[in-house]
N, C-alpha and C. Protein backbone atom coordinates (compact mmCIF):
# COMPACT_ATOMS: atom_id res chain seq x y z
N MET A 1 -0.19 8.59 24.09
CA MET A 1 -0.31 9.46 22.95
C MET A 1 1.02 9.46 22.20
N LEU A 2 0.93 9.38 20.87
CA LEU A 2 2.14 9.34 20.05
C LEU A 2 2.55 10.75 19.62
N SER A 3 3.84 10.92 19.53
CA SER A 3 4.35 12.20 19.04
C SER A 3 4.16 12.27 17.53
N GLU A 4 4.33 13.45 16.96
CA GLU A 4 4.19 13.62 15.52
C GLU A 4 5.19 12.74 14.77
N ARG A 5 6.41 12.66 15.28
CA ARG A 5 7.45 11.82 14.66
C ARG A 5 7.06 10.34 14.71
N GLU A 6 6.49 9.90 15.82
CA GLU A 6 6.06 8.51 15.95
C GLU A 6 4.90 8.20 15.00
N LEU A 7 3.99 9.16 14.86
CA LEU A 7 2.88 8.97 13.91
C LEU A 7 3.38 8.88 12.48
N GLU A 8 4.33 9.72 12.12
CA GLU A 8 4.90 9.67 10.78
C GLU A 8 5.59 8.34 10.54
N ALA A 9 6.32 7.84 11.54
CA ALA A 9 7.00 6.55 11.41
C ALA A 9 5.98 5.41 11.25
N ARG A 10 4.92 5.49 12.03
CA ARG A 10 3.87 4.46 11.94
C ARG A 10 3.22 4.48 10.55
N ASN A 11 2.94 5.67 10.04
CA ASN A 11 2.36 5.78 8.70
C ASN A 11 3.30 5.23 7.65
N GLU A 12 4.57 5.55 7.77
CA GLU A 12 5.57 5.07 6.81
C GLU A 12 5.61 3.54 6.79
N ILE A 13 5.52 2.93 7.96
CA ILE A 13 5.51 1.46 8.05
C ILE A 13 4.26 0.91 7.38
N LEU A 14 3.11 1.53 7.62
CA LEU A 14 1.86 1.06 7.01
C LEU A 14 1.92 1.19 5.49
N TRP A 15 2.46 2.31 5.00
CA TRP A 15 2.58 2.48 3.56
C TRP A 15 3.51 1.43 2.97
N GLU A 16 4.63 1.19 3.62
CA GLU A 16 5.58 0.18 3.13
C GLU A 16 4.94 -1.21 3.11
N ASN A 17 4.18 -1.53 4.14
CA ASN A 17 3.48 -2.83 4.16
C ASN A 17 2.50 -2.95 3.00
N TYR A 18 1.75 -1.90 2.76
CA TYR A 18 0.79 -1.91 1.65
C TYR A 18 1.52 -2.08 0.32
N ILE A 19 2.56 -1.30 0.11
CA ILE A 19 3.34 -1.38 -1.13
C ILE A 19 3.87 -2.79 -1.32
N MET A 20 4.42 -3.37 -0.26
CA MET A 20 4.99 -4.71 -0.36
C MET A 20 3.91 -5.74 -0.72
N LYS A 21 2.73 -5.62 -0.13
CA LYS A 21 1.65 -6.57 -0.43
C LYS A 21 1.23 -6.47 -1.89
N VAL A 22 1.06 -5.25 -2.39
CA VAL A 22 0.65 -5.09 -3.79
C VAL A 22 1.77 -5.54 -4.73
N GLN A 23 3.03 -5.25 -4.38
CA GLN A 23 4.16 -5.73 -5.20
C GLN A 23 4.16 -7.25 -5.29
N ILE A 24 4.02 -7.90 -4.16
CA ILE A 24 4.03 -9.37 -4.14
C ILE A 24 2.86 -9.92 -4.94
N GLU A 25 1.69 -9.36 -4.74
CA GLU A 25 0.51 -9.83 -5.46
C GLU A 25 0.68 -9.62 -6.97
N SER A 26 1.23 -8.49 -7.36
CA SER A 26 1.41 -8.24 -8.79
C SER A 26 2.46 -9.17 -9.39
N ARG A 27 3.49 -9.49 -8.64
CA ARG A 27 4.50 -10.44 -9.13
C ARG A 27 3.93 -11.84 -9.27
N VAL A 28 3.09 -12.24 -8.32
CA VAL A 28 2.45 -13.56 -8.39
C VAL A 28 1.50 -13.61 -9.58
N ILE A 29 0.71 -12.56 -9.77
CA ILE A 29 -0.18 -12.49 -10.93
C ILE A 29 0.63 -12.63 -12.22
N GLY A 30 1.71 -11.87 -12.32
CA GLY A 30 2.55 -11.93 -13.51
C GLY A 30 3.14 -13.30 -13.74
N ASP A 31 3.65 -13.91 -12.68
CA ASP A 31 4.24 -15.24 -12.79
C ASP A 31 3.21 -16.27 -13.24
N LEU A 32 2.06 -16.29 -12.58
CA LEU A 32 1.02 -17.25 -12.96
C LEU A 32 0.57 -17.03 -14.40
N ALA A 33 0.40 -15.77 -14.76
CA ALA A 33 -0.09 -15.47 -16.11
C ALA A 33 0.92 -15.88 -17.18
N LEU A 34 2.17 -15.46 -17.01
CA LEU A 34 3.17 -15.70 -18.05
C LEU A 34 3.67 -17.15 -18.08
N ASN A 35 3.72 -17.80 -16.93
CA ASN A 35 4.32 -19.13 -16.87
C ASN A 35 3.32 -20.29 -16.80
N HIS A 36 2.05 -19.98 -16.57
CA HIS A 36 1.06 -21.06 -16.45
C HIS A 36 -0.16 -20.83 -17.34
N ILE A 37 -0.79 -19.66 -17.20
CA ILE A 37 -2.03 -19.40 -17.93
C ILE A 37 -1.79 -19.31 -19.43
N ILE A 38 -0.88 -18.44 -19.84
CA ILE A 38 -0.65 -18.24 -21.28
C ILE A 38 -0.16 -19.52 -21.96
N PRO A 39 0.83 -20.23 -21.42
CA PRO A 39 1.23 -21.47 -22.09
C PRO A 39 0.10 -22.49 -22.22
N THR A 40 -0.74 -22.58 -21.19
CA THR A 40 -1.88 -23.51 -21.25
C THR A 40 -2.87 -23.08 -22.31
N ALA A 41 -3.16 -21.78 -22.37
CA ALA A 41 -4.10 -21.28 -23.37
C ALA A 41 -3.56 -21.46 -24.78
N VAL A 42 -2.27 -21.23 -24.97
CA VAL A 42 -1.66 -21.41 -26.30
C VAL A 42 -1.72 -22.89 -26.70
N LYS A 43 -1.45 -23.76 -25.77
CA LYS A 43 -1.51 -25.20 -26.06
C LYS A 43 -2.93 -25.60 -26.49
N TYR A 44 -3.91 -25.12 -25.77
CA TYR A 44 -5.29 -25.42 -26.12
C TYR A 44 -5.65 -24.82 -27.47
N GLN A 45 -5.18 -23.61 -27.71
CA GLN A 45 -5.42 -22.94 -28.99
C GLN A 45 -4.84 -23.76 -30.15
N MET A 46 -3.66 -24.31 -29.94
CA MET A 46 -3.05 -25.15 -30.98
C MET A 46 -3.89 -26.39 -31.25
N GLN A 47 -4.50 -26.95 -30.22
CA GLN A 47 -5.40 -28.09 -30.42
C GLN A 47 -6.61 -27.67 -31.28
N LEU A 48 -7.11 -26.48 -31.01
CA LEU A 48 -8.24 -25.97 -31.80
C LEU A 48 -7.82 -25.72 -33.25
N ILE A 49 -6.62 -25.22 -33.44
CA ILE A 49 -6.12 -24.98 -34.80
C ILE A 49 -6.05 -26.29 -35.57
N ASP A 50 -5.54 -27.33 -34.91
CA ASP A 50 -5.50 -28.65 -35.55
C ASP A 50 -6.92 -29.14 -35.87
N ALA A 51 -7.85 -28.91 -34.95
CA ALA A 51 -9.24 -29.32 -35.18
C ALA A 51 -9.83 -28.54 -36.36
N ALA A 52 -9.56 -27.24 -36.43
CA ALA A 52 -10.08 -26.43 -37.53
C ALA A 52 -9.54 -26.92 -38.87
N LYS A 53 -8.26 -27.26 -38.90
CA LYS A 53 -7.66 -27.79 -40.13
C LYS A 53 -8.33 -29.11 -40.52
N GLY A 54 -8.56 -29.95 -39.52
CA GLY A 54 -9.22 -31.23 -39.79
C GLY A 54 -10.63 -31.05 -40.32
N LEU A 55 -11.37 -30.11 -39.72
CA LEU A 55 -12.72 -29.85 -40.19
C LEU A 55 -12.72 -29.33 -41.63
N LYS A 56 -11.76 -28.46 -41.92
CA LYS A 56 -11.66 -27.90 -43.27
C LYS A 56 -11.35 -29.01 -44.29
N GLU A 57 -10.45 -29.93 -43.90
CA GLU A 57 -10.08 -31.03 -44.81
C GLU A 57 -11.28 -31.90 -45.18
N ILE A 58 -12.16 -32.11 -44.23
CA ILE A 58 -13.32 -32.95 -44.52
C ILE A 58 -14.54 -32.12 -44.92
N LYS A 59 -14.28 -30.83 -45.21
CA LYS A 59 -15.28 -29.92 -45.73
C LYS A 59 -16.47 -29.71 -44.78
N VAL A 60 -16.13 -29.57 -43.50
CA VAL A 60 -17.13 -29.25 -42.48
C VAL A 60 -16.89 -27.81 -42.03
N ASP A 61 -17.96 -27.09 -41.80
CA ASP A 61 -17.85 -25.68 -41.40
C ASP A 61 -17.03 -25.58 -40.10
N ASN A 62 -15.97 -24.78 -40.16
CA ASN A 62 -15.12 -24.60 -38.98
C ASN A 62 -15.16 -23.17 -38.45
N ALA A 63 -16.18 -22.41 -38.83
CA ALA A 63 -16.29 -21.00 -38.43
C ALA A 63 -16.34 -20.84 -36.91
N SER A 64 -17.04 -21.72 -36.24
CA SER A 64 -17.14 -21.63 -34.79
C SER A 64 -15.79 -21.86 -34.12
N THR A 65 -15.06 -22.82 -34.62
CA THR A 65 -13.72 -23.11 -34.08
C THR A 65 -12.78 -21.95 -34.35
N LEU A 66 -12.85 -21.39 -35.55
CA LEU A 66 -12.01 -20.24 -35.88
C LEU A 66 -12.34 -19.04 -35.00
N SER A 67 -13.62 -18.86 -34.71
CA SER A 67 -14.04 -17.77 -33.81
C SER A 67 -13.46 -17.96 -32.41
N MET A 68 -13.49 -19.19 -31.92
CA MET A 68 -12.90 -19.48 -30.60
C MET A 68 -11.41 -19.20 -30.60
N ILE A 69 -10.72 -19.59 -31.65
CA ILE A 69 -9.28 -19.36 -31.76
C ILE A 69 -8.99 -17.86 -31.70
N THR A 70 -9.78 -17.08 -32.39
CA THR A 70 -9.60 -15.62 -32.40
C THR A 70 -9.85 -15.03 -31.01
N LYS A 71 -10.91 -15.46 -30.35
CA LYS A 71 -11.22 -14.95 -29.01
C LYS A 71 -10.13 -15.33 -28.01
N ILE A 72 -9.63 -16.54 -28.11
CA ILE A 72 -8.54 -16.96 -27.23
C ILE A 72 -7.32 -16.09 -27.46
N SER A 73 -7.01 -15.81 -28.72
CA SER A 73 -5.87 -14.93 -29.04
C SER A 73 -6.04 -13.55 -28.41
N GLU A 74 -7.23 -13.01 -28.50
CA GLU A 74 -7.50 -11.69 -27.91
C GLU A 74 -7.27 -11.69 -26.40
N HIS A 75 -7.71 -12.75 -25.74
CA HIS A 75 -7.55 -12.82 -24.28
C HIS A 75 -6.10 -13.11 -23.88
N ILE A 76 -5.41 -13.91 -24.67
CA ILE A 76 -3.98 -14.12 -24.41
C ILE A 76 -3.24 -12.80 -24.53
N ASP A 77 -3.53 -12.04 -25.58
CA ASP A 77 -2.90 -10.73 -25.75
C ASP A 77 -3.26 -9.80 -24.59
N GLY A 78 -4.51 -9.85 -24.14
CA GLY A 78 -4.93 -9.02 -23.01
C GLY A 78 -4.16 -9.34 -21.74
N VAL A 79 -3.96 -10.63 -21.48
CA VAL A 79 -3.20 -11.04 -20.29
C VAL A 79 -1.74 -10.61 -20.44
N ARG A 80 -1.14 -10.97 -21.55
CA ARG A 80 0.29 -10.67 -21.76
C ARG A 80 0.56 -9.17 -21.72
N ASN A 81 -0.21 -8.40 -22.46
CA ASN A 81 0.00 -6.95 -22.49
C ASN A 81 -0.26 -6.33 -21.13
N GLY A 82 -1.27 -6.82 -20.44
CA GLY A 82 -1.56 -6.31 -19.09
C GLY A 82 -0.40 -6.56 -18.14
N VAL A 83 0.16 -7.76 -18.17
CA VAL A 83 1.27 -8.09 -17.29
C VAL A 83 2.51 -7.26 -17.65
N LEU A 84 2.84 -7.19 -18.92
CA LEU A 84 4.03 -6.43 -19.32
C LEU A 84 3.88 -4.95 -19.02
N ASP A 85 2.70 -4.39 -19.25
CA ASP A 85 2.46 -2.99 -18.91
C ASP A 85 2.54 -2.77 -17.40
N MET A 86 2.02 -3.71 -16.64
CA MET A 86 2.05 -3.62 -15.18
C MET A 86 3.50 -3.63 -14.68
N ILE A 87 4.34 -4.47 -15.26
CA ILE A 87 5.75 -4.54 -14.87
C ILE A 87 6.43 -3.20 -15.14
N GLU A 88 6.17 -2.62 -16.30
CA GLU A 88 6.77 -1.32 -16.63
C GLU A 88 6.28 -0.23 -15.67
N GLU A 89 5.01 -0.29 -15.33
CA GLU A 89 4.46 0.70 -14.40
C GLU A 89 5.08 0.54 -13.01
N ARG A 90 5.31 -0.70 -12.60
CA ARG A 90 5.97 -0.95 -11.31
C ARG A 90 7.36 -0.36 -11.29
N LYS A 91 8.10 -0.52 -12.38
CA LYS A 91 9.45 0.04 -12.47
C LYS A 91 9.42 1.55 -12.29
N ARG A 92 8.44 2.19 -12.93
CA ARG A 92 8.30 3.64 -12.81
C ARG A 92 7.98 4.03 -11.36
N ILE A 93 7.03 3.34 -10.77
CA ILE A 93 6.59 3.68 -9.42
C ILE A 93 7.69 3.43 -8.40
N ASN A 94 8.49 2.40 -8.62
CA ASN A 94 9.55 2.06 -7.65
C ASN A 94 10.61 3.15 -7.53
N LYS A 95 10.65 4.07 -8.46
CA LYS A 95 11.60 5.18 -8.39
C LYS A 95 11.11 6.30 -7.47
N ILE A 96 9.85 6.24 -7.09
CA ILE A 96 9.29 7.27 -6.20
C ILE A 96 9.82 7.05 -4.80
N GLU A 97 10.27 8.09 -4.16
CA GLU A 97 10.88 7.98 -2.83
C GLU A 97 9.87 8.17 -1.70
N ASP A 98 8.90 9.05 -1.89
CA ASP A 98 7.92 9.33 -0.85
C ASP A 98 6.99 8.12 -0.67
N GLY A 99 6.94 7.59 0.55
CA GLY A 99 6.17 6.38 0.82
C GLY A 99 4.68 6.53 0.56
N ARG A 100 4.12 7.65 0.98
CA ARG A 100 2.69 7.88 0.77
C ARG A 100 2.37 7.96 -0.72
N GLU A 101 3.13 8.74 -1.45
CA GLU A 101 2.92 8.89 -2.89
C GLU A 101 3.08 7.56 -3.61
N LYS A 102 4.08 6.80 -3.20
CA LYS A 102 4.33 5.49 -3.81
C LYS A 102 3.16 4.54 -3.55
N ALA A 103 2.64 4.54 -2.32
CA ALA A 103 1.51 3.69 -1.97
C ALA A 103 0.28 4.05 -2.79
N ILE A 104 0.04 5.35 -2.96
CA ILE A 104 -1.10 5.80 -3.76
C ILE A 104 -0.94 5.37 -5.21
N GLU A 105 0.26 5.50 -5.74
CA GLU A 105 0.53 5.07 -7.12
C GLU A 105 0.33 3.56 -7.28
N TYR A 106 0.79 2.78 -6.30
CA TYR A 106 0.58 1.33 -6.36
C TYR A 106 -0.90 0.99 -6.33
N CYS A 107 -1.65 1.71 -5.53
CA CYS A 107 -3.08 1.47 -5.45
C CYS A 107 -3.76 1.81 -6.77
N ASN A 108 -3.54 3.02 -7.25
CA ASN A 108 -4.25 3.51 -8.44
C ASN A 108 -3.72 2.94 -9.75
N ASN A 109 -2.41 2.80 -9.87
CA ASN A 109 -1.81 2.47 -11.16
C ASN A 109 -1.29 1.05 -11.27
N ILE A 110 -1.41 0.27 -10.23
CA ILE A 110 -1.10 -1.16 -10.34
C ILE A 110 -2.37 -1.95 -10.00
N LYS A 111 -2.77 -1.86 -8.75
CA LYS A 111 -3.91 -2.67 -8.30
C LYS A 111 -5.19 -2.37 -9.08
N HIS A 112 -5.61 -1.13 -9.11
CA HIS A 112 -6.89 -0.81 -9.75
C HIS A 112 -6.80 -0.79 -11.27
N LYS A 113 -5.66 -0.49 -11.80
CA LYS A 113 -5.53 -0.36 -13.26
C LYS A 113 -5.30 -1.71 -13.95
N TYR A 114 -4.52 -2.60 -13.32
CA TYR A 114 -4.11 -3.82 -14.02
C TYR A 114 -4.71 -5.11 -13.46
N PHE A 115 -4.92 -5.21 -12.16
CA PHE A 115 -5.38 -6.48 -11.60
C PHE A 115 -6.70 -6.92 -12.24
N ASP A 116 -7.68 -6.03 -12.32
CA ASP A 116 -8.98 -6.40 -12.89
C ASP A 116 -8.89 -6.69 -14.38
N LYS A 117 -8.07 -5.93 -15.09
CA LYS A 117 -7.90 -6.14 -16.53
C LYS A 117 -7.31 -7.52 -16.81
N ILE A 118 -6.27 -7.87 -16.08
CA ILE A 118 -5.64 -9.18 -16.25
C ILE A 118 -6.61 -10.27 -15.83
N ARG A 119 -7.24 -10.07 -14.70
CA ARG A 119 -8.19 -11.06 -14.17
C ARG A 119 -9.32 -11.32 -15.16
N TYR A 120 -9.86 -10.27 -15.78
CA TYR A 120 -10.94 -10.43 -16.75
C TYR A 120 -10.53 -11.38 -17.87
N ASN A 121 -9.35 -11.15 -18.44
CA ASN A 121 -8.89 -11.99 -19.55
C ASN A 121 -8.57 -13.41 -19.12
N VAL A 122 -8.01 -13.57 -17.93
CA VAL A 122 -7.74 -14.92 -17.41
C VAL A 122 -9.06 -15.66 -17.18
N ASP A 123 -10.05 -14.97 -16.62
CA ASP A 123 -11.35 -15.59 -16.40
C ASP A 123 -11.98 -16.07 -17.71
N LYS A 124 -11.83 -15.27 -18.76
CA LYS A 124 -12.36 -15.67 -20.07
C LYS A 124 -11.63 -16.88 -20.62
N LEU A 125 -10.31 -16.90 -20.46
CA LEU A 125 -9.54 -18.06 -20.92
C LEU A 125 -9.92 -19.32 -20.14
N GLU A 126 -10.19 -19.14 -18.86
CA GLU A 126 -10.60 -20.28 -18.02
C GLU A 126 -11.87 -20.93 -18.57
N LEU A 127 -12.76 -20.13 -19.13
CA LEU A 127 -14.00 -20.68 -19.68
C LEU A 127 -13.76 -21.47 -20.96
N PHE A 128 -12.73 -21.11 -21.72
CA PHE A 128 -12.44 -21.80 -22.97
C PHE A 128 -11.68 -23.11 -22.76
N VAL A 129 -10.64 -23.06 -21.93
CA VAL A 129 -9.70 -24.19 -21.82
C VAL A 129 -10.34 -25.35 -21.07
N ASP A 130 -10.10 -26.53 -21.57
CA ASP A 130 -10.62 -27.76 -20.97
C ASP A 130 -10.18 -27.88 -19.51
N ASP A 131 -11.07 -28.37 -18.67
CA ASP A 131 -10.80 -28.49 -17.24
C ASP A 131 -9.53 -29.27 -16.94
N GLU A 132 -9.30 -30.36 -17.66
CA GLU A 132 -8.13 -31.20 -17.38
C GLU A 132 -6.82 -30.49 -17.72
N ASP A 133 -6.88 -29.54 -18.62
CA ASP A 133 -5.66 -28.83 -19.03
C ASP A 133 -5.39 -27.58 -18.20
N TRP A 134 -6.42 -27.03 -17.58
CA TRP A 134 -6.27 -25.78 -16.83
C TRP A 134 -5.38 -26.02 -15.60
N PRO A 135 -4.33 -25.20 -15.41
CA PRO A 135 -3.34 -25.48 -14.36
C PRO A 135 -3.79 -25.12 -12.93
N LEU A 136 -4.89 -24.40 -12.80
CA LEU A 136 -5.36 -23.96 -11.49
C LEU A 136 -6.76 -24.48 -11.23
N VAL A 137 -7.19 -24.36 -9.99
CA VAL A 137 -8.56 -24.71 -9.66
C VAL A 137 -9.47 -23.67 -10.30
N LYS A 138 -10.52 -24.12 -10.97
CA LYS A 138 -11.47 -23.19 -11.59
C LYS A 138 -12.47 -22.72 -10.53
N TYR A 139 -13.04 -21.54 -10.76
CA TYR A 139 -13.95 -20.96 -9.78
C TYR A 139 -15.10 -21.89 -9.44
N ARG A 140 -15.72 -22.48 -10.45
CA ARG A 140 -16.87 -23.35 -10.18
C ARG A 140 -16.46 -24.57 -9.36
N GLU A 141 -15.20 -25.00 -9.48
CA GLU A 141 -14.72 -26.13 -8.70
C GLU A 141 -14.54 -25.73 -7.23
N MET A 142 -14.18 -24.47 -6.99
CA MET A 142 -13.99 -24.00 -5.61
C MET A 142 -15.30 -24.00 -4.84
N LEU A 143 -16.41 -23.89 -5.53
CA LEU A 143 -17.70 -23.89 -4.85
C LEU A 143 -17.98 -25.22 -4.16
N PHE A 144 -17.38 -26.29 -4.66
CA PHE A 144 -17.69 -27.62 -4.16
C PHE A 144 -16.55 -28.23 -3.35
N VAL A 145 -15.50 -27.47 -3.09
CA VAL A 145 -14.39 -27.96 -2.28
C VAL A 145 -14.73 -27.73 -0.82
N HIS A 146 -14.58 -28.74 -0.03
CA HIS A 146 -14.90 -28.61 1.41
C HIS A 146 -13.65 -28.49 2.22
């Protein structure tokens, strides 16, 4: 049987482990988003912009291409803003001293608030960007990897 002090120490260790896992995951999400996903999406968007200009020059309707460019911009902004907001929220939470309170804040205000929001926009960008240009394995490709 553990004493009250030992139980508190054990809980503190569990909270610290949880906080560390969410911190690492959020940093990896931020790194992948800012250094891989967004640059790839912007590069693809620029290809579409060139295509839209070419279509306009030869007097072909480019409304569909322009719509894609706009949607890509919205998702790029969603990823970027989500990551930057998440970083600011992490800075705020890291000032909390109580381990339990900090763990709850990481759960509610990092993991649940930002991970899904960022993921949603990245998933949408994955559908737009050409397979050869996408820097990561796409979900549909994972289904067939043995």
